[in-house]
């Protein structure tokens, strides 16, 4: 069976059930909270609306609310193929709040915006970790994969 409107892509649970892989990695949550759309909306001089105090609380709440759907998805995948070893992969932090920002990135992302995205990804990773742990699934932290080469490290 194919996903409706998914361009012929098999749904994750159907794929797992059909092929019964030994291992499968899962990365979920970023699209659910519109992370890339928020990042794009902050690509301009000045502080974007998402970095305001009121919106930060809204973003944090939005991230916390995906726990239930992430856990449900993991339990669905586990039920579809109990022998498959699932690995939930977190998100790397592309822009660190603490590091100085150079070049165009420094002009485009204010300290408040860098803090918003760094904190949001850390929070999302914590929710993914908790959902994985509570579902008996392994979690892999890759939050520092861009260390030294993130958006703020680009000099021009």
Protein backbone atom coordinates (compact mmCIF):
# COMPACT_ATOMS: atom_id res chain seq x y z
CA UNK A 1 0.00 0.00 0.00
CA UNK A 2 1.23 3.51 -0.81
CA UNK A 3 0.83 6.73 1.16
CA UNK A 4 -2.00 8.88 -0.09
CA UNK A 5 -0.64 11.90 -1.95
CA UNK A 6 2.89 10.96 -0.91
CA UNK A 7 4.32 10.61 -4.42
CA UNK A 8 4.50 6.82 -4.14
CA UNK A 9 6.41 6.79 -0.87
CA UNK A 10 5.56 3.88 1.42
CA UNK A 11 4.51 4.96 4.91
CA UNK A 12 7.14 4.21 7.54
CA UNK A 13 5.07 1.67 9.44
CA UNK A 14 4.06 -0.09 6.22
CA UNK A 15 7.68 -0.19 5.05
CA UNK A 16 8.88 -1.58 8.39
CA UNK A 17 6.10 -4.17 8.45
CA UNK A 18 6.64 -5.23 4.83
CA UNK A 19 10.45 -5.47 4.83
CA UNK A 20 11.18 -6.24 8.50
CA UNK A 21 14.64 -4.60 8.43
CA UNK A 22 17.19 -5.46 11.11
CA UNK A 23 17.69 -1.76 11.84
CA UNK A 24 15.94 1.49 10.95
CA UNK A 25 16.71 5.10 11.81
CA UNK A 26 13.97 7.61 12.42
CA UNK A 27 14.24 11.40 12.51
CA UNK A 28 10.97 13.12 13.31
CA UNK A 29 9.66 16.31 14.84
CA UNK A 30 11.40 19.12 12.94
CA UNK A 31 8.72 19.43 10.28
CA UNK A 32 5.98 19.06 12.87
CA UNK A 33 7.07 22.28 14.55
CA UNK A 34 7.88 24.10 11.29
CA UNK A 35 11.51 24.54 12.29
CA UNK A 36 12.82 25.38 8.80
CA UNK A 37 9.98 27.84 8.14
CA UNK A 38 10.79 29.62 11.39
CA UNK A 39 14.48 29.71 10.51
CA UNK A 40 13.72 31.14 7.05
CA UNK A 41 11.47 33.82 8.53
CA UNK A 42 14.42 35.01 10.63
CA UNK A 43 16.73 35.45 7.61
CA UNK A 44 16.67 39.23 7.65
CA UNK A 45 18.22 42.08 9.61
CA UNK A 46 16.64 42.71 12.99
CA UNK A 47 15.01 40.35 15.44
CA UNK A 48 12.29 38.13 13.96
CA UNK A 49 8.93 37.60 15.67
CA UNK A 50 9.84 34.02 16.72
CA UNK A 51 12.66 35.35 18.91
CA UNK A 52 10.36 37.61 20.94
CA UNK A 53 9.63 36.54 24.51
CA UNK A 54 5.97 35.76 23.78
CA UNK A 55 6.77 33.63 20.72
CA UNK A 56 9.65 31.78 22.43
CA UNK A 57 7.19 30.41 24.95
CA UNK A 58 4.87 29.39 22.11
CA UNK A 59 7.70 27.59 20.28
CA UNK A 60 8.72 25.77 23.47
CA UNK A 61 5.14 24.68 24.06
CA UNK A 62 4.82 23.53 20.45
CA UNK A 63 7.97 21.41 20.82
CA UNK A 64 6.79 19.86 24.11
CA UNK A 65 3.47 18.90 22.54
CA UNK A 66 5.03 16.60 19.93
CA UNK A 67 6.11 14.10 22.60
CA UNK A 68 2.83 12.20 22.32
CA UNK A 69 2.89 11.93 18.52
CA UNK A 70 6.56 10.93 18.47
CA UNK A 71 5.98 8.26 21.10
CA UNK A 72 2.90 6.98 19.24
CA UNK A 73 4.90 6.75 16.00
CA UNK A 74 7.70 4.84 17.72
CA UNK A 75 5.25 2.43 19.30
CA UNK A 76 3.53 1.94 15.92
CA UNK A 77 6.86 1.17 14.26
CA UNK A 78 7.85 -1.20 17.06
CA UNK A 79 4.52 -3.04 16.79
CA UNK A 80 4.87 -3.28 12.99
CA UNK A 81 8.22 -5.05 13.31
CA UNK A 82 9.22 -6.00 16.88
CA UNK A 83 12.57 -7.44 15.72
CA UNK A 84 13.65 -4.19 14.04
CA UNK A 85 16.14 -2.20 16.12
CA UNK A 86 14.94 1.39 15.89
CA UNK A 87 17.28 4.34 16.32
CA UNK A 88 15.86 7.82 16.83
CA UNK A 89 18.31 10.39 15.49
CA UNK A 90 18.20 13.86 17.00
CA UNK A 91 19.01 17.10 15.21
CA UNK A 92 22.34 18.90 14.91
CA UNK A 93 22.50 22.48 16.14
CA UNK A 94 23.48 24.54 13.08
CA UNK A 95 23.85 27.79 14.97
CA UNK A 96 25.17 28.02 18.52
CA UNK A 97 23.89 30.75 20.83
CA UNK A 98 27.22 31.21 22.64
CA UNK A 99 29.62 31.48 19.72
CA UNK A 100 30.36 34.74 17.92
CA UNK A 101 28.73 34.89 14.51
CA UNK A 102 30.80 35.98 11.50
CA UNK A 103 30.07 37.22 8.01
CA UNK A 104 26.59 37.15 6.55
CA UNK A 105 25.30 34.84 9.30
CA UNK A 106 26.28 37.41 11.92
CA UNK A 107 24.39 40.08 10.03
CA UNK A 108 21.30 37.90 9.45
CA UNK A 109 20.98 36.20 12.84
CA UNK A 110 20.85 38.29 15.98
CA UNK A 111 21.95 36.94 19.35
CA UNK A 112 18.27 36.48 20.26
CA UNK A 113 17.62 34.45 17.10
CA UNK A 114 20.72 32.30 17.62
CA UNK A 115 19.58 31.62 21.17
CA UNK A 116 16.06 30.74 19.97
CA UNK A 117 17.28 28.17 17.45
CA UNK A 118 19.95 26.67 19.65
CA UNK A 119 17.55 26.32 22.58
CA UNK A 120 14.72 25.05 20.36
CA UNK A 121 16.82 22.27 18.86
CA UNK A 122 18.14 21.32 22.30
CA UNK A 123 14.56 21.16 23.55
CA UNK A 124 13.42 19.15 20.52
CA UNK A 125 16.28 16.71 21.07
CA UNK A 126 15.28 16.33 24.72
CA UNK A 127 11.66 15.55 23.70
CA UNK A 128 12.91 13.01 21.12
CA UNK A 129 15.19 11.42 23.72
CA UNK A 130 12.35 11.15 26.25
CA UNK A 131 9.92 9.67 23.70
CA UNK A 132 12.58 7.16 22.58
CA UNK A 133 13.47 6.24 26.15
CA UNK A 134 9.83 5.82 27.15
CA UNK A 135 9.21 3.64 24.07
CA UNK A 136 12.27 1.44 24.68
CA UNK A 137 14.01 2.78 21.56
CA UNK A 138 17.64 3.89 21.25
CA UNK A 139 18.32 7.63 20.82
CA UNK A 140 21.42 9.02 19.07
CA UNK A 141 22.51 12.54 19.98
CA UNK A 142 24.10 14.36 17.04
CA UNK A 143 23.51 17.87 18.39
CA UNK A 144 27.19 18.82 18.13
CA UNK A 145 27.78 17.38 14.64
CA UNK A 146 28.32 20.91 13.25
CA UNK A 147 30.62 22.04 16.08
CA UNK A 148 33.19 24.39 14.60
CA UNK A 149 31.51 24.41 11.20
CA UNK A 150 27.99 25.70 11.87
CA UNK A 151 26.41 28.77 10.34
CA UNK A 152 28.30 31.17 12.60
CA UNK A 153 31.67 29.65 11.67
CA UNK A 154 31.29 30.75 8.04
CA UNK A 155 33.54 33.79 7.69
CA UNK A 156 32.15 35.27 4.47
